[in-house]
C-alpha atoms as a PDB file:
ATOM      1  CA  MET A   1       8.127 -83.705   1.049  1.00  0.00           C
ATOM      2  CA  HIS A   2       5.347 -81.935   2.693  1.00  0.00           C
ATOM      3  CA  ASN A   3       4.469 -78.932   2.165  1.00  0.00           C
ATOM      4  CA  ASP A   4       2.147 -76.339   4.333  1.00  0.00           C
ATOM      5  CA  THR A   5       2.095 -73.596   2.233  1.00  0.00           C
ATOM      6  CA  HIS A   6      -1.468 -72.627   0.931  1.00  0.00           C
ATOM      7  CA  TYR A   7      -2.998 -70.240  -1.598  1.00  0.00           C
ATOM      8  CA  GLY A   8      -3.366 -66.386   0.078  1.00  0.00           C
ATOM      9  CA  ASP A   9       0.051 -67.508   2.416  1.00  0.00           C
ATOM     10  CA  LYS A  10       2.389 -64.365   2.535  1.00  0.00           C
ATOM     11  CA  ALA A  11       6.028 -64.299   3.152  1.00  0.00           C
ATOM     12  CA  ASN A  12       8.517 -61.573   3.888  1.00  0.00           C
ATOM     13  CA  VAL A  13      11.755 -62.236   1.426  1.00  0.00           C
ATOM     14  CA  THR A  14      14.755 -59.844   2.635  1.00  0.00           C
ATOM     15  CA  CYS A  15      18.227 -59.611   0.901  1.00  0.00           C
ATOM     16  CA  ALA A  16      21.476 -60.541   2.057  1.00  0.00           C
ATOM     17  CA  PRO A  17      23.398 -57.668   4.203  1.00  0.00           C
ATOM     18  CA  GLY A  18      24.726 -55.476   1.470  1.00  0.00           C
ATOM     19  CA  TYR A  19      21.953 -55.892  -0.860  1.00  0.00           C
ATOM     20  CA  ARG A  20      18.880 -53.721  -1.972  1.00  0.00           C
ATOM     21  CA  LEU A  21      15.612 -54.748  -3.747  1.00  0.00           C
ATOM     22  CA  LEU A  22      16.551 -54.871  -8.248  1.00  0.00           C
ATOM     23  CA  GLY A  23      15.334 -51.940  -9.791  1.00  0.00           C
ATOM     24  CA  THR A  24      14.989 -49.449  -7.044  1.00  0.00           C
ATOM     25  CA  ASP A  25      17.710 -46.892  -6.007  1.00  0.00           C
ATOM     26  CA  ASP A  26      16.726 -47.014  -2.468  1.00  0.00           C
ATOM     27  CA  ASN A  27      19.168 -48.320  -0.153  1.00  0.00           C
ATOM     28  CA  GLU A  28      16.954 -49.125   2.521  1.00  0.00           C
ATOM     29  CA  ASN A  29      13.996 -51.205   0.294  1.00  0.00           C
ATOM     30  CA  VAL A  30      15.615 -54.554   1.211  1.00  0.00           C
ATOM     31  CA  THR A  31      12.612 -56.548   1.629  1.00  0.00           C
ATOM     32  CA  GLU A  32       9.615 -57.329  -0.376  1.00  0.00           C
ATOM     33  CA  THR A  33       6.203 -59.858   0.582  1.00  0.00           C
ATOM     34  CA  ILE A  34       5.462 -62.500  -1.728  1.00  0.00           C
ATOM     35  CA  GLU A  35       2.382 -64.647  -2.336  1.00  0.00           C
ATOM     36  CA  CYS A  36       1.461 -68.022  -2.678  1.00  0.00           C
ATOM     37  CA  SER A  37      -0.655 -68.297  -6.392  1.00  0.00           C
ATOM     38  CA  THR A  38      -3.834 -70.057  -7.263  1.00  0.00           C
ATOM     39  CA  ASN A  39      -1.221 -71.890  -8.826  1.00  0.00           C
ATOM     40  CA  GLY A  40       0.061 -73.187  -5.962  1.00  0.00           C
ATOM     41  CA  TYR A  41       4.108 -71.246  -6.783  1.00  0.00           C
ATOM     42  CA  TRP A  42       4.834 -67.970  -4.925  1.00  0.00           C
ATOM     43  CA  SER A  43       4.668 -64.438  -6.604  1.00  0.00           C
ATOM     44  CA  ASN A  44       7.566 -63.370  -8.890  1.00  0.00           C
ATOM     45  CA  LEU A  45      10.419 -62.954  -6.436  1.00  0.00           C
ATOM     46  CA  THR A  46      12.234 -59.220  -7.813  1.00  0.00           C
ATOM     47  CA  GLY A  47      15.577 -60.475  -7.147  1.00  0.00           C
ATOM     48  CA  CYS A  48      18.106 -58.650  -5.386  1.00  0.00           C
ATOM     49  CA  GLN A  49      21.231 -56.297  -6.100  1.00  0.00           C
ATOM     50  CA  PRO A  50      23.937 -54.792  -4.590  1.00  0.00           C
ATOM     51  CA  LYS A  51      23.538 -51.819  -2.724  1.00  0.00           C
ATOM     52  CA  SER A  52      24.906 -48.402  -4.388  1.00  0.00           C
ATOM     53  CA  GLU A  53      27.656 -46.657  -2.230  1.00  0.00           C
ATOM     54  CA  HIS A  54      26.083 -43.007  -2.943  1.00  0.00           C
ATOM     55  CA  THR A  55      22.440 -42.240  -2.441  1.00  0.00           C
ATOM     56  CA  TYR A  56      21.253 -39.253  -4.016  1.00  0.00           C
ATOM     57  CA  ASN A  57      17.770 -37.683  -2.592  1.00  0.00           C
END
């Protein structure tokens, strides 16, 4: 399998509908950017969690 990613490449990762980024209370925070590291692996992805039913400002 050929891998065309290189050090410094970036990718946007978006949570599936109904999910938000892990560790945030912001239901609109659903996308993060990860980067290819010097070791050839992508930076740590935060992950996703179900959106809450209510948001408080």
